[in-house]
Amino acid sequence: MIKKLQLLLVFIGFIGYAQSIVVNTTTYTSQQLVEDVLIDSPCAQVSNFTFGGNPCGMGYFTYSGNNFDFADGVILRNGPVGFSAGAYTGANLSGQCTGNNGTDADLQLISNANGQTNTVKDVTYMKFDFTPYTSTFSFNFVFSSNEYGQYQCSFADVFAFILTDVATGVVQNLAVIPNTTTPVSVVNIRDNAFNGGCSSVNPAYFDSYNVNLGAAAVMNMKGHTIPMQAIATVTPGTTYSIKIAIGDYV
């Protein structure tokens, strides 16, 4: 099996505290984030890299506390990724990477299908080809957003892990609620304890509302899900592309 990809996906761009994540944007280049952090496995060959929103919207995070499942990994954000570091302060909840206000056709399709037809912009993504040597591709991820609380009833910022068989063109989004085809988003995973204006949806997958935690929060984001695993069956020796993308629904 390909090594499980350790991803922290933080969304909506709206240090060093021991119990909170630390974000670094200089240790790894964008390509090294894929090769040395995201994959870092002899079970797949990777190539043909393209990136958007880098380096501002992507980086490497570490965590040394006991309240989060990942010690390190890749972090993506549709805005300055460093804003997500440290405990929750309520500051730096939004921001835009210079020159990055582009849209993305793949994310827009997912948003439209989820009933959210406004424009998706400020996209950060990493895309690369990989050829697996085993039959299973899996990764772990956490979704985080500053839409939790006030906006969780109606705003669904978009992220996706789009797996494409290069030869056949067959596409699937792996960023879905386990055992469903429902995209992971604020409106699809929410707890009405933090906004009584709408009902809870899949609350078992919601983990923490950090606004209430202050210095004890793992990250400077309003809320985040529990870790989830995405998995796909692949054919050894076949080339696939994977696109990991996040964008702001406006």
Protein backbone atom coordinates (compact mmCIF):
# COMPACT_ATOMS: atom_id res chain seq x y z
CA MET A 1 0.00 0.00 0.00
CA ILE A 2 1.20 3.48 -0.73
CA LYS A 3 2.20 5.28 2.44
CA LYS A 4 -0.78 7.13 3.86
CA LEU A 5 -0.50 10.75 2.89
CA GLN A 6 -0.48 12.97 5.92
CA LEU A 7 -2.43 16.07 5.02
CA LEU A 8 -3.81 18.94 6.95
CA LEU A 9 -6.12 20.85 4.67
CA VAL A 10 -7.08 24.24 5.95
CA PHE A 11 -9.52 26.19 3.93
CA ILE A 12 -10.89 29.74 3.69
CA GLY A 13 -8.19 32.30 4.13
CA PHE A 14 -10.32 34.66 6.23
CA ILE A 15 4.41 30.87 16.79
CA GLY A 16 5.65 28.27 18.23
CA TYR A 17 3.09 27.53 20.96
CA ALA A 18 3.90 24.01 22.11
CA GLN A 19 0.37 22.64 21.73
CA SER A 20 -0.42 24.27 18.37
CA ILE A 21 0.79 23.71 14.84
CA VAL A 22 3.87 25.47 13.51
CA VAL A 23 3.93 26.26 9.79
CA ASN A 24 7.06 26.54 7.68
CA THR A 25 7.15 27.75 4.07
CA THR A 26 10.91 27.73 3.50
CA THR A 27 12.19 24.24 4.38
CA TYR A 28 10.63 22.59 1.32
CA THR A 29 9.94 23.77 -2.19
CA SER A 30 6.49 22.98 -3.57
CA GLN A 31 7.85 19.95 -5.42
CA GLN A 32 9.66 18.73 -2.32
CA LEU A 33 6.42 18.97 -0.35
CA VAL A 34 5.04 16.36 -2.73
CA GLU A 35 8.11 14.16 -3.09
CA ASP A 36 9.53 14.29 0.45
CA VAL A 37 6.48 14.90 2.67
CA LEU A 38 3.25 13.99 0.90
CA ILE A 39 4.43 10.79 -0.80
CA ASP A 40 7.89 9.91 0.59
CA SER A 41 7.42 6.30 -0.43
CA PRO A 42 9.06 3.76 -2.77
CA CYS A 43 5.58 2.50 -3.69
CA ALA A 44 4.93 5.15 -6.34
CA GLN A 45 6.80 7.21 -8.93
CA VAL A 46 5.80 10.87 -9.13
CA SER A 47 6.37 13.38 -11.95
CA ASN A 48 4.89 16.25 -13.97
CA PHE A 49 4.32 18.78 -11.18
CA THR A 50 2.22 21.92 -11.45
CA PHE A 51 1.25 24.31 -8.67
CA GLY A 52 -0.97 27.31 -8.09
CA GLY A 53 -1.03 29.70 -5.16
CA ASN A 54 2.47 28.66 -4.13
CA PRO A 55 4.44 29.26 -2.05
CA CYS A 56 2.07 31.54 -0.12
CA GLY A 57 -0.77 29.02 0.12
CA MET A 58 1.15 25.82 0.86
CA GLY A 59 3.68 24.73 3.43
CA TYR A 60 4.92 22.19 5.92
CA PHE A 61 3.48 21.91 9.41
CA THR A 62 4.68 20.25 12.59
CA TYR A 63 2.90 19.56 15.85
CA SER A 64 4.43 18.43 19.14
CA GLY A 65 1.38 18.24 21.40
CA ASN A 66 -1.03 15.47 22.30
CA ASN A 67 -4.36 16.75 20.92
CA PHE A 68 -3.90 16.24 17.20
CA ASP A 69 -3.39 13.10 15.14
CA PHE A 70 -0.59 14.35 12.91
CA ALA A 71 2.97 15.17 13.92
CA ASP A 72 3.69 16.75 10.56
CA GLY A 73 2.43 17.03 7.00
CA VAL A 74 1.43 19.32 4.17
CA ILE A 75 -0.89 22.27 4.74
CA LEU A 76 -2.81 24.09 1.99
CA ARG A 77 -4.85 27.25 2.33
CA ASN A 78 -6.53 29.66 -0.06
CA GLY A 79 -4.55 32.52 1.43
CA PRO A 80 -1.36 32.96 3.48
CA VAL A 81 -0.77 29.54 4.96
CA GLY A 82 1.13 30.90 7.94
CA PHE A 83 -2.07 32.53 9.21
CA SER A 84 -3.22 29.09 10.36
CA ALA A 85 -0.26 28.58 12.72
CA GLY A 86 -0.47 28.87 16.47
CA ALA A 87 -3.39 28.86 18.86
CA TYR A 88 -6.71 30.51 18.03
CA THR A 89 -6.53 34.29 18.33
CA GLY A 90 -9.32 35.48 16.04
CA ALA A 91 -6.72 37.47 14.07
CA ASN A 92 -5.60 36.76 10.50
CA LEU A 93 -8.79 34.90 9.67
CA SER A 94 -8.72 36.10 6.07
CA GLY A 95 -6.11 37.04 3.53
CA GLN A 96 -5.17 36.64 -0.09
CA CYS A 97 -1.92 35.58 -1.69
CA THR A 98 -0.57 38.33 -3.92
CA GLY A 99 -1.72 37.84 -7.50
CA ASN A 100 -3.81 34.78 -6.64
CA ASN A 101 -7.47 35.43 -7.38
CA GLY A 102 -7.92 32.76 -10.02
CA THR A 103 -10.83 30.38 -10.37
CA ASP A 104 -10.71 26.63 -11.00
CA ALA A 105 -13.06 24.69 -13.28
CA ASP A 106 -12.81 21.45 -11.28
CA LEU A 107 -13.64 23.11 -7.97
CA GLN A 108 -16.44 25.10 -9.58
CA LEU A 109 -18.09 21.91 -10.85
CA ILE A 110 -17.95 20.36 -7.38
CA SER A 111 -19.35 23.53 -5.83
CA ASN A 112 -22.17 23.74 -8.37
CA ALA A 113 -23.11 20.10 -7.78
CA ASN A 114 -23.24 20.83 -4.06
CA GLY A 115 -25.81 23.58 -4.66
CA GLN A 116 -23.31 26.41 -4.24
CA THR A 117 -23.20 28.20 -7.61
CA ASN A 118 -21.35 31.41 -6.77
CA THR A 119 -17.76 31.82 -7.95
CA VAL A 120 -14.89 29.85 -6.42
CA LYS A 121 -11.67 31.88 -6.41
CA ASP A 122 -8.31 32.37 -4.65
CA VAL A 123 -7.39 28.78 -5.49
CA THR A 124 -4.33 26.97 -4.19
CA TYR A 125 -3.50 23.60 -5.72
CA MET A 126 -0.80 21.02 -6.27
CA LYS A 127 -1.09 18.59 -9.15
CA PHE A 128 1.19 15.76 -10.18
CA ASP A 129 1.24 12.41 -11.94
CA PHE A 130 2.01 9.21 -10.11
CA THR A 131 2.47 5.60 -11.12
CA PRO A 132 1.66 3.22 -8.24
CA TYR A 133 3.37 -0.11 -7.72
CA THR A 134 0.55 -1.38 -5.50
CA SER A 135 -3.23 -1.59 -5.87
CA THR A 136 -4.35 0.83 -3.15
CA PHE A 137 -3.93 4.57 -2.80
CA SER A 138 -4.90 6.11 0.55
CA PHE A 139 -4.36 9.25 2.58
CA ASN A 140 -5.47 10.89 5.80
CA PHE A 141 -6.68 14.47 5.98
CA VAL A 142 -8.32 17.06 8.19
CA PHE A 143 -10.54 19.82 6.84
CA SER A 144 -10.56 23.17 8.62
CA SER A 145 -12.46 26.38 7.94
CA ASN A 146 -13.14 29.84 9.29
CA GLU A 147 -16.71 29.48 8.01
CA TYR A 148 -17.55 27.34 11.04
CA GLY A 149 -19.89 29.07 13.44
CA GLN A 150 -21.37 32.19 11.88
CA TYR A 151 -21.44 31.04 8.25
CA GLN A 152 -21.74 27.26 8.52
CA CYS A 153 -25.41 27.20 7.47
CA SER A 154 -24.86 28.57 3.98
CA PHE A 155 -21.24 28.86 2.83
CA ALA A 156 -19.37 25.85 1.49
CA ASP A 157 -15.83 26.67 0.50
CA VAL A 158 -14.49 23.97 -1.76
CA PHE A 159 -11.63 21.54 -1.69
CA ALA A 160 -11.00 18.34 -3.58
CA PHE A 161 -8.62 15.47 -4.18
CA ILE A 162 -9.25 14.75 -7.83
CA LEU A 163 -7.89 11.40 -9.00
CA THR A 164 -7.75 10.90 -12.76
CA ASP A 165 -6.78 7.83 -14.77
CA VAL A 166 -4.62 9.50 -17.41
CA ALA A 167 -5.33 6.82 -20.03
CA THR A 168 -9.11 6.59 -19.64
CA GLY A 169 -9.91 10.06 -18.32
CA VAL A 170 -12.03 8.58 -15.51
CA VAL A 171 -12.20 11.11 -12.67
CA GLN A 172 -13.22 10.79 -9.02
CA ASN A 173 -13.13 13.18 -6.08
CA LEU A 174 -11.71 11.42 -3.03
CA ALA A 175 -12.40 14.32 -0.62
CA VAL A 176 -15.76 12.92 0.42
CA ILE A 177 -17.44 11.90 3.65
CA PRO A 178 -16.49 8.24 4.25
CA ASN A 179 -18.69 5.67 2.48
CA THR A 180 -20.55 8.39 0.54
CA THR A 181 -20.07 10.57 -2.53
CA THR A 182 -20.84 13.72 -0.51
CA PRO A 183 -18.04 16.31 -0.68
CA VAL A 184 -16.46 17.31 2.61
CA SER A 185 -17.44 20.91 3.35
CA VAL A 186 -18.73 23.17 6.13
CA VAL A 187 -22.37 22.70 5.14
CA ASN A 188 -21.96 18.93 4.90
CA ILE A 189 -20.15 18.54 8.24
CA ARG A 190 -21.43 20.88 10.95
CA ASP A 191 -22.73 20.91 14.52
CA ASN A 192 -25.62 23.22 15.35
CA ALA A 193 -24.19 23.69 18.84
CA PHE A 194 -22.16 26.44 17.20
CA ASN A 195 -24.95 27.92 15.09
CA GLY A 196 -28.55 27.18 16.01
CA GLY A 197 -29.83 28.63 12.73
CA CYS A 198 -29.50 25.30 10.94
CA SER A 199 -29.50 21.63 11.83
CA SER A 200 -26.46 19.48 12.41
CA VAL A 201 -25.18 17.52 9.41
CA ASN A 202 -22.82 14.57 9.91
CA PRO A 203 -21.78 15.98 13.31
CA ALA A 204 -19.81 12.83 14.14
CA TYR A 205 -17.15 14.04 11.70
CA PHE A 206 -16.81 17.46 13.33
CA ASP A 207 -14.02 17.67 15.88
CA SER A 208 -13.33 21.07 17.39
CA TYR A 209 -14.73 24.61 17.49
CA ASN A 210 -11.53 26.44 18.33
CA VAL A 211 -13.15 29.81 19.06
CA ASN A 212 -14.05 28.44 22.48
CA LEU A 213 -10.57 27.09 23.16
CA GLY A 214 -8.30 30.11 22.74
CA ALA A 215 -4.72 29.24 23.66
CA ALA A 216 -5.60 25.54 23.93
CA ALA A 217 -6.57 25.34 20.23
CA VAL A 218 -4.46 23.25 17.88
CA MET A 219 -4.58 25.87 15.13
CA ASN A 220 -5.67 29.41 14.38
CA MET A 221 -8.78 28.31 12.52
CA LYS A 222 -12.37 28.51 13.77
CA GLY A 223 -13.14 24.83 13.40
CA HIS A 224 -11.97 21.53 11.98
CA THR A 225 -13.08 17.97 11.36
CA ILE A 226 -11.81 14.73 12.75
CA PRO A 227 -9.15 12.98 10.64
CA MET A 228 -10.66 11.14 7.70
CA GLN A 229 -9.21 8.65 5.27
CA ALA A 230 -9.72 8.72 1.54
CA ILE A 231 -8.91 5.61 -0.41
CA ALA A 232 -8.99 4.43 -4.01
CA THR A 233 -8.24 1.23 -5.84
CA VAL A 234 -5.61 1.75 -8.52
CA THR A 235 -3.89 -0.42 -11.11
CA PRO A 236 -0.16 -0.96 -10.58
CA GLY A 237 1.89 0.45 -13.46
CA THR A 238 -0.91 2.76 -14.62
CA THR A 239 -0.35 6.51 -14.60
CA TYR A 240 -2.77 8.69 -12.66
CA SER A 241 -2.88 12.35 -11.85
CA ILE A 242 -3.88 13.74 -8.49
CA LYS A 243 -4.95 17.33 -7.98
CA ILE A 244 -5.28 18.64 -4.43
CA ALA A 245 -7.07 21.97 -4.59
CA ILE A 246 -8.77 24.44 -2.28
CA GLY A 247 -10.72 27.60 -3.07
CA ASP A 248 -12.84 30.34 -1.54
CA TYR A 249 -16.58 30.34 -2.26
CA VAL A 250 -17.65 33.96 -2.58
